[in-house]
Amino acid sequence: DDALATNTFGHRYVFADLDQTTVSASLRLNWIFSPRLSLEVYAQPLRNAVLRWEYSPGSTLFLVWTQNRSDSESVGSFRTGHALDRLFGATADNIFMVKVSYWWSP
């Protein structure tokens, strides 16, 4: 607290630049087994797959798997190999979902 720091409402703050390196990649693959069955994989390292099966016209079953991993390190330098080793060693959260849609036409 500083009573003379009227521009910051009586408080002093320290400001600095942030030097950060971020690495990312995206990949999308579609496998069409038949007109009614496909597998879609949208990968941003360690994420998302969807199996889509149209079991009757307009009615679809989706099986979805996604995985989330994260890790952080407060070291001042970035080394890609070391960071990837830490990421692949991080605990994974796996999520599985099922969605069924049915085309009802009376």
PDB file of N, CA and C in Angstrom:
ATOM      1  N   ASP A   1       0.839  -1.189   0.000  1.00  0.00           N
ATOM      2  CA  ASP A   1       0.000   0.000   0.000  1.00  0.00           C
ATOM      3  C   ASP A   1       0.883   1.251   0.000  1.00  0.00           C
ATOM      4  N   ASP A   2       0.428   2.250  -0.770  1.00  0.00           N
ATOM      5  CA  ASP A   2       1.171   3.507  -0.855  1.00  0.00           C
ATOM      6  C   ASP A   2       0.166   4.613  -1.105  1.00  0.00           C
ATOM      7  N   ALA A   3       0.022   5.513  -0.130  1.00  0.00           N
ATOM      8  CA  ALA A   3      -0.944   6.605  -0.241  1.00  0.00           C
ATOM      9  C   ALA A   3      -0.611   7.555  -1.386  1.00  0.00           C
ATOM     10  N   LEU A   4       0.669   7.620  -1.824  1.00  0.00           N
ATOM     11  CA  LEU A   4       1.065   8.522  -2.897  1.00  0.00           C
ATOM     12  C   LEU A   4       0.778   7.942  -4.288  1.00  0.00           C
ATOM     13  N   ALA A   5       0.441   6.664  -4.384  1.00  0.00           N
ATOM     14  CA  ALA A   5       0.171   6.018  -5.680  1.00  0.00           C
ATOM     15  C   ALA A   5      -1.307   6.205  -6.027  1.00  0.00           C
ATOM     16  N   THR A   6      -1.664   7.449  -6.343  1.00  0.00           N
ATOM     17  CA  THR A   6      -3.083   7.758  -6.586  1.00  0.00           C
ATOM     18  C   THR A   6      -3.590   7.190  -7.919  1.00  0.00           C
ATOM     19  N   ASN A   7      -2.694   7.016  -8.909  1.00  0.00           N
ATOM     20  CA  ASN A   7      -3.122   6.475 -10.204  1.00  0.00           C
ATOM     21  C   ASN A   7      -3.534   5.003 -10.119  1.00  0.00           C
ATOM     22  N   THR A   8      -3.042   4.301  -9.115  1.00  0.00           N
ATOM     23  CA  THR A   8      -3.376   2.881  -8.944  1.00  0.00           C
ATOM     24  C   THR A   8      -4.133   2.663  -7.639  1.00  0.00           C
ATOM     25  N   PHE A   9      -4.900   3.683  -7.224  1.00  0.00           N
ATOM     26  CA  PHE A   9      -5.810   3.589  -6.086  1.00  0.00           C
ATOM     27  C   PHE A   9      -5.114   3.191  -4.782  1.00  0.00           C
ATOM     28  N   GLY A  10      -3.937   3.780  -4.559  1.00  0.00           N
ATOM     29  CA  GLY A  10      -3.239   3.593  -3.303  1.00  0.00           C
ATOM     30  C   GLY A  10      -2.417   2.318  -3.202  1.00  0.00           C
ATOM     31  N   HIS A  11      -2.210   1.618  -4.313  1.00  0.00           N
ATOM     32  CA  HIS A  11      -1.413   0.388  -4.312  1.00  0.00           C
ATOM     33  C   HIS A  11      -0.306   0.505  -5.346  1.00  0.00           C
ATOM     34  N   ARG A  12       0.792  -0.187  -5.105  1.00  0.00           N
ATOM     35  CA  ARG A  12       1.882  -0.256  -6.075  1.00  0.00           C
ATOM     36  C   ARG A  12       1.890  -1.640  -6.694  1.00  0.00           C
ATOM     37  N   TYR A  13       2.152  -1.707  -8.001  1.00  0.00           N
ATOM     38  CA  TYR A  13       2.188  -2.965  -8.731  1.00  0.00           C
ATOM     39  C   TYR A  13       3.491  -3.060  -9.513  1.00  0.00           C
ATOM     40  N   VAL A  14       3.948  -4.271  -9.749  1.00  0.00           N
ATOM     41  CA  VAL A  14       5.131  -4.512 -10.554  1.00  0.00           C
ATOM     42  C   VAL A  14       4.654  -5.116 -11.868  1.00  0.00           C
ATOM     43  N   PHE A  15       5.035  -4.501 -12.992  1.00  0.00           N
ATOM     44  CA  PHE A  15       4.645  -4.983 -14.303  1.00  0.00           C
ATOM     45  C   PHE A  15       5.886  -5.479 -15.039  1.00  0.00           C
ATOM     46  N   ALA A  16       5.696  -6.515 -15.863  1.00  0.00           N
ATOM     47  CA  ALA A  16       6.828  -7.044 -16.621  1.00  0.00           C
ATOM     48  C   ALA A  16       6.312  -7.713 -17.889  1.00  0.00           C
ATOM     49  N   ASP A  17       7.224  -7.921 -18.835  1.00  0.00           N
ATOM     50  CA  ASP A  17       6.888  -8.664 -20.046  1.00  0.00           C
ATOM     51  C   ASP A  17       6.903 -10.149 -19.743  1.00  0.00           C
ATOM     52  N   LEU A  18       6.115 -10.911 -20.487  1.00  0.00           N
ATOM     53  CA  LEU A  18       6.080 -12.362 -20.344  1.00  0.00           C
ATOM     54  C   LEU A  18       6.711 -12.980 -21.580  1.00  0.00           C
ATOM     55  N   ASP A  19       7.757 -13.748 -21.387  1.00  0.00           N
ATOM     56  CA  ASP A  19       8.413 -14.459 -22.477  1.00  0.00           C
ATOM     57  C   ASP A  19       7.938 -15.905 -22.404  1.00  0.00           C
ATOM     58  N   GLN A  20       7.109 -16.326 -23.364  1.00  0.00           N
ATOM     59  CA  GLN A  20       6.473 -17.635 -23.310  1.00  0.00           C
ATOM     60  C   GLN A  20       6.594 -18.330 -24.649  1.00  0.00           C
ATOM     61  N   THR A  21       6.813 -19.641 -24.623  1.00  0.00           N
ATOM     62  CA  THR A  21       6.844 -20.455 -25.837  1.00  0.00           C
ATOM     63  C   THR A  21       5.716 -21.469 -25.764  1.00  0.00           C
ATOM     64  N   THR A  22       4.909 -21.531 -26.811  1.00  0.00           N
ATOM     65  CA  THR A  22       3.805 -22.483 -26.876  1.00  0.00           C
ATOM     66  C   THR A  22       3.964 -23.316 -28.135  1.00  0.00           C
ATOM     67  N   VAL A  23       3.835 -24.625 -27.986  1.00  0.00           N
ATOM     68  CA  VAL A  23       3.920 -25.540 -29.121  1.00  0.00           C
ATOM     69  C   VAL A  23       2.584 -26.238 -29.260  1.00  0.00           C
ATOM     70  N   SER A  24       2.038 -26.271 -30.489  1.00  0.00           N
ATOM     71  CA  SER A  24       0.766 -26.949 -30.705  1.00  0.00           C
ATOM     72  C   SER A  24       0.734 -27.543 -32.105  1.00  0.00           C
ATOM     73  N   ALA A  25      -0.164 -28.490 -32.280  1.00  0.00           N
ATOM     74  CA  ALA A  25      -0.351 -29.119 -33.583  1.00  0.00           C
ATOM     75  C   ALA A  25      -1.768 -29.661 -33.647  1.00  0.00           C
ATOM     76  N   SER A  26      -2.330 -29.717 -34.838  1.00  0.00           N
ATOM     77  CA  SER A  26      -3.663 -30.280 -35.040  1.00  0.00           C
ATOM     78  C   SER A  26      -3.616 -31.230 -36.223  1.00  0.00           C
ATOM     79  N   LEU A  27      -4.358 -32.306 -36.105  1.00  0.00           N
ATOM     80  CA  LEU A  27      -4.415 -33.304 -37.156  1.00  0.00           C
ATOM     81  C   LEU A  27      -5.830 -33.855 -37.204  1.00  0.00           C
ATOM     82  N   ARG A  28      -6.380 -33.970 -38.391  1.00  0.00           N
ATOM     83  CA  ARG A  28      -7.722 -34.527 -38.544  1.00  0.00           C
ATOM     84  C   ARG A  28      -7.675 -35.655 -39.558  1.00  0.00           C
ATOM     85  N   LEU A  29      -8.176 -36.820 -39.155  1.00  0.00           N
ATOM     86  CA  LEU A  29      -8.232 -37.988 -40.020  1.00  0.00           C
ATOM     87  C   LEU A  29      -9.650 -38.537 -40.031  1.00  0.00           C
ATOM     88  N   ASN A  30     -10.137 -38.895 -41.204  1.00  0.00           N
ATOM     89  CA  ASN A  30     -11.449 -39.524 -41.343  1.00  0.00           C
ATOM     90  C   ASN A  30     -11.283 -40.846 -42.057  1.00  0.00           C
ATOM     91  N   TRP A  31     -11.799 -41.904 -41.465  1.00  0.00           N
ATOM     92  CA  TRP A  31     -11.832 -43.204 -42.114  1.00  0.00           C
ATOM     93  C   TRP A  31     -13.286 -43.538 -42.386  1.00  0.00           C
ATOM     94  N   ILE A  32     -13.611 -43.759 -43.640  1.00  0.00           N
ATOM     95  CA  ILE A  32     -14.969 -44.125 -44.018  1.00  0.00           C
ATOM     96  C   ILE A  32     -14.962 -45.613 -44.328  1.00  0.00           C
ATOM     97  N   PHE A  33     -15.569 -46.399 -43.455  1.00  0.00           N
ATOM     98  CA  PHE A  33     -15.608 -47.842 -43.647  1.00  0.00           C
ATOM     99  C   PHE A  33     -16.727 -48.245 -44.598  1.00  0.00           C
ATOM    100  N   SER A  34     -17.837 -47.528 -44.512  1.00  0.00           N
ATOM    101  CA  SER A  34     -18.982 -47.749 -45.399  1.00  0.00           C
ATOM    102  C   SER A  34     -19.786 -46.449 -45.375  1.00  0.00           C
ATOM    103  N   PRO A  35     -20.798 -46.310 -46.232  1.00  0.00           N
ATOM    104  CA  PRO A  35     -21.598 -45.078 -46.184  1.00  0.00           C
ATOM    105  C   PRO A  35     -22.271 -44.850 -44.831  1.00  0.00           C
ATOM    106  N   ARG A  36     -22.358 -45.895 -44.013  1.00  0.00           N
ATOM    107  CA  ARG A  36     -23.050 -45.767 -42.736  1.00  0.00           C
ATOM    108  C   ARG A  36     -22.135 -45.849 -41.521  1.00  0.00           C
ATOM    109  N   LEU A  37     -20.827 -46.056 -41.723  1.00  0.00           N
ATOM    110  CA  LEU A  37     -19.907 -46.190 -40.599  1.00  0.00           C
ATOM    111  C   LEU A  37     -18.630 -45.408 -40.888  1.00  0.00           C
ATOM    112  N   SER A  38     -18.278 -44.496 -39.973  1.00  0.00           N
ATOM    113  CA  SER A  38     -17.057 -43.707 -40.143  1.00  0.00           C
ATOM    114  C   SER A  38     -16.391 -43.493 -38.789  1.00  0.00           C
ATOM    115  N   LEU A  39     -15.099 -43.247 -38.838  1.00  0.00           N
ATOM    116  CA  LEU A  39     -14.314 -42.925 -37.655  1.00  0.00           C
ATOM    117  C   LEU A  39     -13.611 -41.606 -37.929  1.00  0.00           C
ATOM    118  N   GLU A  40     -13.807 -40.636 -37.047  1.00  0.00           N
ATOM    119  CA  GLU A  40     -13.178 -39.329 -37.180  1.00  0.00           C
ATOM    120  C   GLU A  40     -12.242 -39.119 -36.000  1.00  0.00           C
ATOM    121  N   VAL A  41     -11.021 -38.748 -36.292  1.00  0.00           N
ATOM    122  CA  VAL A  41     -10.047 -38.452 -35.242  1.00  0.00           C
ATOM    123  C   VAL A  41      -9.570 -37.029 -35.463  1.00  0.00           C
ATOM    124  N   TYR A  42      -9.825 -36.180 -34.498  1.00  0.00           N
ATOM    125  CA  TYR A  42      -9.346 -34.805 -34.524  1.00  0.00           C
ATOM    126  C   TYR A  42      -8.360 -34.682 -33.376  1.00  0.00           C
ATOM    127  N   ALA A  43      -7.114 -34.599 -33.685  1.00  0.00           N
ATOM    128  CA  ALA A  43      -6.081 -34.667 -32.654  1.00  0.00           C
ATOM    129  C   ALA A  43      -5.379 -33.330 -32.483  1.00  0.00           C
ATOM    130  N   GLN A  44      -5.429 -32.851 -31.283  1.00  0.00           N
ATOM    131  CA  GLN A  44      -4.568 -31.781 -30.822  1.00  0.00           C
ATOM    132  C   GLN A  44      -3.827 -32.453 -29.703  1.00  0.00           C
ATOM    133  N   PRO A  45      -2.599 -32.802 -29.918  1.00  0.00           N
ATOM    134  CA  PRO A  45      -1.951 -33.888 -29.194  1.00  0.00           C
ATOM    135  C   PRO A  45      -2.715 -34.400 -27.982  1.00  0.00           C
ATOM    136  N   LEU A  46      -3.009 -35.671 -28.041  1.00  0.00           N
ATOM    137  CA  LEU A  46      -3.627 -36.443 -26.977  1.00  0.00           C
ATOM    138  C   LEU A  46      -5.120 -36.183 -26.816  1.00  0.00           C
ATOM    139  N   ARG A  47      -5.874 -35.824 -27.892  1.00  0.00           N
ATOM    140  CA  ARG A  47      -7.317 -35.606 -27.795  1.00  0.00           C
ATOM    141  C   ARG A  47      -8.061 -36.385 -28.840  1.00  0.00           C
ATOM    142  N   ASN A  48      -9.065 -36.341 -29.220  1.00  0.00           N
ATOM    143  CA  ASN A  48     -10.467 -36.565 -29.598  1.00  0.00           C
ATOM    144  C   ASN A  48     -10.650 -37.579 -30.689  1.00  0.00           C
ATOM    145  N   ALA A  49     -11.574 -38.645 -30.522  1.00  0.00           N
ATOM    146  CA  ALA A  49     -11.949 -39.608 -31.545  1.00  0.00           C
ATOM    147  C   ALA A  49     -13.461 -39.800 -31.477  1.00  0.00           C
ATOM    148  N   VAL A  50     -14.135 -39.940 -32.678  1.00  0.00           N
ATOM    149  CA  VAL A  50     -15.581 -40.134 -32.760  1.00  0.00           C
ATOM    150  C   VAL A  50     -15.853 -41.262 -33.733  1.00  0.00           C
ATOM    151  N   LEU A  51     -16.547 -42.290 -33.264  1.00  0.00           N
ATOM    152  CA  LEU A  51     -17.019 -43.359 -34.125  1.00  0.00           C
ATOM    153  C   LEU A  51     -18.497 -43.096 -34.376  1.00  0.00           C
ATOM    154  N   ARG A  52     -18.856 -42.947 -35.643  1.00  0.00           N
ATOM    155  CA  ARG A  52     -20.226 -42.616 -36.034  1.00  0.00           C
ATOM    156  C   ARG A  52     -20.801 -43.768 -36.842  1.00  0.00           C
ATOM    157  N   TRP A  53     -21.939 -44.290 -36.377  1.00  0.00           N
ATOM    158  CA  TRP A  53     -22.593 -45.398 -37.076  1.00  0.00           C
ATOM    159  C   TRP A  53     -24.045 -45.025 -37.321  1.00  0.00           C
ATOM    160  N   GLU A  54     -24.418 -44.945 -38.590  1.00  0.00           N
ATOM    161  CA  GLU A  54     -25.807 -44.684 -38.957  1.00  0.00           C
ATOM    162  C   GLU A  54     -26.500 -46.039 -39.089  1.00  0.00           C
ATOM    163  N   TYR A  55     -27.167 -46.452 -38.007  1.00  0.00           N
ATOM    164  CA  TYR A  55     -27.739 -47.797 -37.966  1.00  0.00           C
ATOM    165  C   TYR A  55     -29.043 -47.918 -38.724  1.00  0.00           C
ATOM    166  N   SER A  56     -29.692 -46.797 -39.025  1.00  0.00           N
ATOM    167  CA  SER A  56     -30.818 -46.761 -39.956  1.00  0.00           C
ATOM    168  C   SER A  56     -30.873 -45.337 -40.500  1.00  0.00           C
ATOM    169  N   PRO A  57     -31.519 -45.113 -41.642  1.00  0.00           N
ATOM    170  CA  PRO A  57     -31.499 -43.769 -42.244  1.00  0.00           C
ATOM    171  C   PRO A  57     -31.948 -42.682 -41.256  1.00  0.00           C
ATOM    172  N   GLY A  58     -31.071 -41.731 -41.007  1.00  0.00           N
ATOM    173  CA  GLY A  58     -31.354 -40.614 -40.118  1.00  0.00           C
ATOM    174  C   GLY A  58     -31.111 -40.898 -38.647  1.00  0.00           C
ATOM    175  N   SER A  59     -30.843 -42.143 -38.275  1.00  0.00           N
ATOM    176  CA  SER A  59     -30.599 -42.510 -36.880  1.00  0.00           C
ATOM    177  C   SER A  59     -29.128 -42.868 -36.708  1.00  0.00           C
ATOM    178  N   THR A  60     -28.483 -42.279 -35.703  1.00  0.00           N
ATOM    179  CA  THR A  60     -27.035 -42.379 -35.585  1.00  0.00           C
ATOM    180  C   THR A  60     -26.621 -42.684 -34.149  1.00  0.00           C
ATOM    181  N   LEU A  61     -25.570 -43.487 -34.029  1.00  0.00           N
ATOM    182  CA  LEU A  61     -24.934 -43.770 -32.753  1.00  0.00           C
ATOM    183  C   LEU A  61     -23.530 -43.173 -32.798  1.00  0.00           C
ATOM    184  N   PHE A  62     -23.177 -42.371 -31.797  1.00  0.00           N
ATOM    185  CA  PHE A  62     -21.851 -41.776 -31.695  1.00  0.00           C
ATOM    186  C   PHE A  62     -21.163 -42.336 -30.455  1.00  0.00           C
ATOM    187  N   LEU A  63     -19.955 -42.824 -30.606  1.00  0.00           N
ATOM    188  CA  LEU A  63     -19.092 -43.200 -29.487  1.00  0.00           C
ATOM    189  C   LEU A  63     -17.925 -42.222 -29.502  1.00  0.00           C
ATOM    190  N   VAL A  64     -17.736 -41.496 -28.418  1.00  0.00           N
ATOM    191  CA  VAL A  64     -16.753 -40.419 -28.378  1.00  0.00           C
ATOM    192  C   VAL A  64     -15.745 -40.695 -27.265  1.00  0.00           C
ATOM    193  N   TRP A  65     -14.461 -40.508 -27.572  1.00  0.00           N
ATOM    194  CA  TRP A  65     -13.399 -40.591 -26.577  1.00  0.00           C
ATOM    195  C   TRP A  65     -12.548 -39.335 -26.688  1.00  0.00           C
ATOM    196  N   THR A  66     -12.271 -38.745 -25.564  1.00  0.00           N
ATOM    197  CA  THR A  66     -11.362 -37.616 -25.531  1.00  0.00           C
ATOM    198  C   THR A  66     -10.445 -37.768 -24.321  1.00  0.00           C
ATOM    199  N   GLN A  67      -9.257 -37.235 -24.437  1.00  0.00           N
ATOM    200  CA  GLN A  67      -8.272 -37.330 -23.367  1.00  0.00           C
ATOM    201  C   GLN A  67      -7.661 -35.960 -23.156  1.00  0.00           C
ATOM    202  N   ASN A  68      -7.469 -35.598 -21.914  1.00  0.00           N
ATOM    203  CA  ASN A  68      -6.885 -34.310 -21.582  1.00  0.00           C
ATOM    204  C   ASN A  68      -5.681 -34.536 -20.679  1.00  0.00           C
ATOM    205  N   ARG A  69      -4.573 -33.903 -21.010  1.00  0.00           N
ATOM    206  CA  ARG A  69      -3.370 -33.925 -20.177  1.00  0.00           C
ATOM    207  C   ARG A  69      -2.838 -32.500 -20.095  1.00  0.00           C
ATOM    208  N   SER A  70      -2.298 -32.160 -18.961  1.00  0.00           N
ATOM    209  CA  SER A  70      -1.654 -30.851 -18.862  1.00  0.00           C
ATOM    210  C   SER A  70      -0.523 -30.931 -17.851  1.00  0.00           C
ATOM    211  N   ASP A  71       0.434 -30.058 -18.045  1.00  0.00           N
ATOM    212  CA  ASP A  71       1.584 -29.985 -17.164  1.00  0.00           C
ATOM    213  C   ASP A  71       2.176 -28.587 -17.288  1.00  0.00           C
ATOM    214  N   SER A  72       2.750 -28.097 -16.246  1.00  0.00           N
ATOM    215  CA  SER A  72       3.415 -26.799 -16.310  1.00  0.00           C
ATOM    216  C   SER A  72       4.722 -26.879 -15.537  1.00  0.00           C
ATOM    217  N   GLU A  73       5.594 -25.987 -15.895  1.00  0.00           N
ATOM    218  CA  GLU A  73       6.913 -25.956 -15.281  1.00  0.00           C
ATOM    219  C   GLU A  73       7.344 -24.500 -15.188  1.00  0.00           C
ATOM    220  N   SER A  74       7.927 -24.120 -14.075  1.00  0.00           N
ATOM    221  CA  SER A  74       8.294 -22.722 -13.880  1.00  0.00           C
ATOM    222  C   SER A  74       9.776 -22.465 -14.123  1.00  0.00           C
ATOM    223  N   VAL A  75      10.390 -23.233 -15.015  1.00  0.00           N
ATOM    224  CA  VAL A  75      11.794 -23.045 -15.360  1.00  0.00           C
ATOM    225  C   VAL A  75      11.876 -21.974 -16.438  1.00  0.00           C
ATOM    226  N   GLY A  76      12.923 -21.182 -16.435  1.00  0.00           N
ATOM    227  CA  GLY A  76      13.034 -20.069 -17.355  1.00  0.00           C
ATOM    228  C   GLY A  76      13.359 -20.406 -18.790  1.00  0.00           C
ATOM    229  N   SER A  77      13.693 -21.654 -19.119  1.00  0.00           N
ATOM    230  CA  SER A  77      14.013 -21.989 -20.506  1.00  0.00           C
ATOM    231  C   SER A  77      13.113 -23.122 -20.981  1.00  0.00           C
ATOM    232  N   PHE A  78      12.888 -23.161 -22.284  1.00  0.00           N
ATOM    233  CA  PHE A  78      12.011 -24.169 -22.872  1.00  0.00           C
ATOM    234  C   PHE A  78      12.838 -25.147 -23.684  1.00  0.00           C
ATOM    235  N   ARG A  79      12.654 -26.440 -23.394  1.00  0.00           N
ATOM    236  CA  ARG A  79      13.300 -27.499 -24.161  1.00  0.00           C
ATOM    237  C   ARG A  79      12.207 -28.436 -24.640  1.00  0.00           C
ATOM    238  N   THR A  80      12.015 -28.517 -25.951  1.00  0.00           N
ATOM    239  CA  THR A  80      10.893 -29.268 -26.525  1.00  0.00           C
ATOM    240  C   THR A  80      10.887 -30.720 -26.077  1.00  0.00           C
ATOM    241  N   GLY A  81      12.003 -31.420 -26.174  1.00  0.00           N
ATOM    242  CA  GLY A  81      12.048 -32.837 -25.799  1.00  0.00           C
ATOM    243  C   GLY A  81      11.674 -33.062 -24.348  1.00  0.00           C
ATOM    244  N   HIS A  82      12.209 -32.248 -23.469  1.00  0.00           N
ATOM    245  CA  HIS A  82      11.913 -32.369 -22.040  1.00  0.00           C
ATOM    246  C   HIS A  82      10.430 -32.085 -21.771  1.00  0.00           C
ATOM    247  N   ALA A  83       9.889 -31.051 -22.431  1.00  0.00           N
ATOM    248  CA  ALA A  83       8.484 -30.697 -22.239  1.00  0.00           C
ATOM    249  C   ALA A  83       7.558 -31.813 -22.724  1.00  0.00           C
ATOM    250  N   LEU A  84       7.872 -32.423 -23.871  1.00  0.00           N
ATOM    251  CA  LEU A  84       7.042 -33.524 -24.373  1.00  0.00           C
ATOM    252  C   LEU A  84       7.123 -34.743 -23.462  1.00  0.00           C
ATOM    253  N   ASP A  85       8.302 -35.029 -22.938  1.00  0.00           N
ATOM    254  CA  ASP A  85       8.432 -36.133 -21.977  1.00  0.00           C
ATOM    255  C   ASP A  85       7.556 -35.900 -20.754  1.00  0.00           C
ATOM    256  N   ARG A  86       7.554 -34.682 -20.243  1.00  0.00           N
ATOM    257  CA  ARG A  86       6.715 -34.356 -19.081  1.00  0.00           C
ATOM    258  C   ARG A  86       5.234 -34.452 -19.436  1.00  0.00           C
ATOM    259  N   LEU A  87       4.854 -34.005 -20.631  1.00  0.00           N
ATOM    260  CA  LEU A  87       3.452 -34.050 -21.032  1.00  0.00           C
ATOM    261  C   LEU A  87       2.964 -35.484 -21.182  1.00  0.00           C
ATOM    262  N   PHE A  88       3.736 -36.333 -21.858  1.00  0.00           N
ATOM    263  CA  PHE A  88       3.319 -37.722 -22.029  1.00  0.00           C
ATOM    264  C   PHE A  88       3.348 -38.481 -20.703  1.00  0.00           C
ATOM    265  N   GLY A  89       4.114 -38.005 -19.741  1.00  0.00           N
ATOM    266  CA  GLY A  89       4.145 -38.632 -18.428  1.00  0.00           C
ATOM    267  C   GLY A  89       3.079 -38.110 -17.477  1.00  0.00           C
ATOM    268  N   ALA A  90       2.384 -37.041 -17.863  1.00  0.00           N
ATOM    269  CA  ALA A  90       1.353 -36.454 -17.005  1.00  0.00           C
ATOM    270  C   ALA A  90       0.136 -37.373 -16.924  1.00  0.00           C
ATOM    271  N   THR A  91      -0.569 -37.285 -15.834  1.00  0.00           N
ATOM    272  CA  THR A  91      -1.780 -38.075 -15.638  1.00  0.00           C
ATOM    273  C   THR A  91      -2.838 -37.663 -16.651  1.00  0.00           C
ATOM    274  N   ALA A  92      -3.487 -38.652 -17.248  1.00  0.00           N
ATOM    275  CA  ALA A  92      -4.488 -38.394 -18.285  1.00  0.00           C
ATOM    276  C   ALA A  92      -5.893 -38.475 -17.703  1.00  0.00           C
ATOM    277  N   ASP A  93      -6.762 -37.589 -18.172  1.00  0.00           N
ATOM    278  CA  ASP A  93      -8.192 -37.669 -17.888  1.00  0.00           C
ATOM    279  C   ASP A  93      -8.865 -38.190 -19.145  1.00  0.00           C
ATOM    280  N   ASN A  94      -9.403 -39.411 -19.101  1.00  0.00           N
ATOM    281  CA  ASN A  94     -10.095 -40.013 -20.236  1.00  0.00           C
ATOM    282  C   ASN A  94     -11.598 -39.843 -20.055  1.00  0.00           C
ATOM    283  N   ILE A  95     -12.255 -39.393 -21.103  1.00  0.00           N
ATOM    284  CA  ILE A  95     -13.697 -39.188 -21.073  1.00  0.00           C
ATOM    285  C   ILE A  95     -14.312 -39.967 -22.220  1.00  0.00           C
ATOM    286  N   PHE A  96     -15.315 -40.772 -21.908  1.00  0.00           N
ATOM    287  CA  PHE A  96     -16.041 -41.546 -22.912  1.00  0.00           C
ATOM    288  C   PHE A  96     -17.499 -41.112 -22.892  1.00  0.00           C
ATOM    289  N   MET A  97     -18.070 -40.910 -24.077  1.00  0.00           N
ATOM    290  CA  MET A  97     -19.463 -40.490 -24.184  1.00  0.00           C
ATOM    291  C   MET A  97     -20.157 -41.307 -25.262  1.00  0.00           C
ATOM    292  N   VAL A  98     -21.456 -41.463 -25.093  1.00  0.00           N
ATOM    293  CA  VAL A  98     -22.287 -42.147 -26.084  1.00  0.00           C
ATOM    294  C   VAL A  98     -23.478 -41.248 -26.371  1.00  0.00           C
ATOM    295  N   LYS A  99     -23.759 -41.076 -27.648  1.00  0.00           N
ATOM    296  CA  LYS A  99     -24.930 -40.302 -28.058  1.00  0.00           C
ATOM    297  C   LYS A  99     -25.699 -41.131 -29.070  1.00  0.00           C
ATOM    298  N   VAL A 100     -26.996 -41.243 -28.854  1.00  0.00           N
ATOM    299  CA  VAL A 100     -27.857 -41.972 -29.779  1.00  0.00           C
ATOM    300  C   VAL A 100     -28.924 -41.011 -30.267  1.00  0.00           C
ATOM    301  N   SER A 101     -29.075 -40.928 -31.562  1.00  0.00           N
ATOM    302  CA  SER A 101     -30.170 -40.152 -32.136  1.00  0.00           C
ATOM    303  C   SER A 101     -31.026 -41.092 -32.984  1.00  0.00           C
ATOM    304  N   TYR A 102     -32.326 -40.890 -32.921  1.00  0.00           N
ATOM    305  CA  TYR A 102     -33.249 -41.752 -33.632  1.00  0.00           C
ATOM    306  C   TYR A 102     -34.201 -40.892 -34.451  1.00  0.00           C
ATOM    307  N   TRP A 103     -34.263 -41.154 -35.736  1.00  0.00           N
ATOM    308  CA  TRP A 103     -35.165 -40.435 -36.611  1.00  0.00           C
ATOM    309  C   TRP A 103     -36.540 -41.082 -36.513  1.00  0.00           C
ATOM    310  N   TRP A 104     -37.466 -40.323 -35.952  1.00  0.00           N
ATOM    311  CA  TRP A 104     -38.820 -40.837 -35.750  1.00  0.00           C
ATOM    312  C   TRP A 104     -39.735 -40.134 -36.723  1.00  0.00           C
ATOM    313  N   SER A 105     -40.374 -40.884 -37.582  1.00  0.00           N
ATOM    314  CA  SER A 105     -41.266 -40.330 -38.590  1.00  0.00           C
ATOM    315  C   SER A 105     -42.594 -41.058 -38.521  1.00  0.00           C
ATOM    316  N   PRO A 106     -43.583 -40.454 -37.850  1.00  0.00           N
ATOM    317  CA  PRO A 106     -44.879 -41.144 -37.712  1.00  0.00           C
ATOM    318  C   PRO A 106     -45.642 -41.262 -39.019  1.00  0.00           C
TER     319      PRO A 106
END
